[in-house]
Amino acid sequence: MKDLRYTETNSADDSEGRTWGLEGNLFWFLVGGVFASVILLLMLYSMWRWDFAEATAAASIPLILSLIYVFGIRHGRPPGHDRDLLDLWLHGRGFGPETHTHTQSDFYE
């Protein structure tokens, strides 16, 4: 037993924690969406005198976008999934085998 080395290790998991059931810092995206919606609602309704229903509809856009981002793209997905999805949308699929669909004219050539 003398030959064994004793080394302290950190065996804790690398979790960023949870807030309201959301992983990591996703809570702050929702807080930002709510904050942007409230500020936009106040500006549209009080400063620019929009109708309250129209102002509420327009001000709900930041909240809806943050909800789509958090629950549709980030929550429950692996880290970096949102960046990979954005790269797929901007640049298309990466390299790989090309698929060719055969048409009827391919068989008669």
Protein backbone atom coordinates (compact mmCIF):
# COMPACT_ATOMS: atom_id res chain seq x y z
CA MET A 1 0.00 0.00 0.00
CA LYS A 2 2.97 2.32 0.31
CA ASP A 3 3.38 2.47 -3.47
CA LEU A 4 -0.07 3.97 -4.10
CA ARG A 5 -0.19 7.71 -4.68
CA TYR A 6 -2.97 9.72 -3.10
CA THR A 7 -4.34 12.43 -5.37
CA GLU A 8 -7.26 14.69 -4.57
CA THR A 9 -9.79 14.83 -7.37
CA ASN A 10 -12.95 16.76 -8.00
CA SER A 11 -15.56 14.11 -8.62
CA ALA A 12 -18.47 16.55 -8.78
CA ASP A 13 -20.53 16.80 -11.94
CA ASP A 14 -20.06 19.75 -14.26
CA SER A 15 -23.65 20.93 -14.10
CA GLU A 16 -24.33 24.63 -14.36
CA GLY A 17 -27.36 24.18 -12.10
CA ARG A 18 -31.07 24.61 -12.62
CA THR A 19 -33.46 27.49 -12.10
CA TRP A 20 -37.20 26.84 -12.37
CA GLY A 21 -36.41 23.57 -14.12
CA LEU A 22 -34.32 25.26 -16.81
CA GLU A 23 -30.73 24.18 -17.32
CA GLY A 24 -27.81 26.54 -16.89
CA ASN A 25 -28.42 30.16 -17.67
CA LEU A 26 -31.57 29.72 -19.77
CA PHE A 27 -33.50 31.46 -17.01
CA TRP A 28 -31.84 34.74 -17.99
CA PHE A 29 -33.07 34.50 -21.57
CA LEU A 30 -36.63 34.33 -20.28
CA VAL A 31 -36.03 37.23 -17.89
CA GLY A 32 -34.61 39.26 -20.79
CA GLY A 33 -37.62 38.45 -22.96
CA VAL A 34 -40.04 39.51 -20.23
CA PHE A 35 -38.06 42.69 -19.56
CA ALA A 36 -37.93 43.63 -23.26
CA SER A 37 -41.67 42.96 -23.62
CA VAL A 38 -42.60 45.12 -20.64
CA ILE A 39 -40.38 48.00 -21.73
CA LEU A 40 -41.73 47.81 -25.29
CA LEU A 41 -45.32 47.70 -23.99
CA LEU A 42 -44.74 50.78 -21.84
CA MET A 43 -43.12 52.67 -24.69
CA LEU A 44 -45.78 51.80 -27.26
CA TYR A 45 -48.75 52.42 -24.96
CA SER A 46 -47.66 55.50 -23.06
CA MET A 47 -45.15 57.28 -25.29
CA TRP A 48 -46.55 56.62 -28.74
CA ARG A 49 -50.23 56.29 -27.71
CA TRP A 50 -50.94 52.96 -29.37
CA ASP A 51 -54.13 51.11 -28.54
CA PHE A 52 -53.52 48.75 -25.59
CA ALA A 53 -54.41 45.59 -27.55
CA GLU A 54 -52.09 46.55 -30.42
CA ALA A 55 -49.30 47.47 -28.02
CA THR A 56 -49.69 44.18 -26.17
CA ALA A 57 -49.60 42.20 -29.41
CA ALA A 58 -46.47 43.99 -30.61
CA ALA A 59 -44.78 43.81 -27.21
CA SER A 60 -45.33 40.06 -26.95
CA ILE A 61 -42.91 39.44 -29.85
CA PRO A 62 -39.68 39.53 -27.74
CA LEU A 63 -41.23 37.18 -25.16
CA ILE A 64 -42.41 34.75 -27.85
CA LEU A 65 -38.98 34.76 -29.51
CA SER A 66 -37.22 34.08 -26.20
CA LEU A 67 -39.65 31.24 -25.43
CA ILE A 68 -39.02 29.70 -28.85
CA TYR A 69 -35.26 29.98 -28.33
CA VAL A 70 -35.28 28.51 -24.84
CA PHE A 71 -37.81 25.70 -25.21
CA GLY A 72 -37.50 25.00 -28.93
CA ILE A 73 -33.75 25.16 -29.42
CA ARG A 74 -31.82 25.06 -26.14
CA HIS A 75 -33.67 23.27 -23.32
CA GLY A 76 -32.89 19.56 -23.15
CA ARG A 77 -30.40 19.71 -26.01
CA PRO A 78 -26.63 19.13 -25.90
CA PRO A 79 -24.32 22.13 -25.45
CA GLY A 80 -23.69 23.98 -28.70
CA HIS A 81 -26.87 22.72 -30.36
CA ASP A 82 -28.05 26.26 -31.08
CA ARG A 83 -24.77 27.19 -32.77
CA ASP A 84 -24.80 24.00 -34.83
CA LEU A 85 -28.36 24.68 -35.91
CA LEU A 86 -27.51 28.25 -36.91
CA ASP A 87 -24.51 26.99 -38.89
CA LEU A 88 -26.75 24.46 -40.64
CA TRP A 89 -29.27 27.18 -41.56
CA LEU A 90 -26.58 29.56 -42.85
CA HIS A 91 -24.23 27.17 -44.65
CA GLY A 92 -26.30 24.07 -45.31
CA ARG A 93 -25.14 20.57 -44.65
CA GLY A 94 -21.47 19.88 -44.31
CA PHE A 95 -19.51 17.43 -46.34
CA GLY A 96 -20.78 13.93 -46.82
CA PRO A 97 -21.96 11.53 -49.46
CA GLU A 98 -24.21 13.08 -52.05
CA THR A 99 -27.57 11.52 -52.51
CA HIS A 100 -28.89 11.22 -56.03
CA THR A 101 -32.53 10.58 -56.70
CA HIS A 102 -33.06 8.59 -59.83
CA THR A 103 -35.48 9.89 -62.40
CA GLN A 104 -37.05 7.90 -65.19
CA SER A 105 -34.72 9.50 -67.75
CA ASP A 106 -31.68 8.12 -65.86
CA PHE A 107 -32.73 4.57 -66.67
CA TYR A 108 -33.14 5.15 -70.43
CA GLU A 109 -29.79 6.78 -71.13
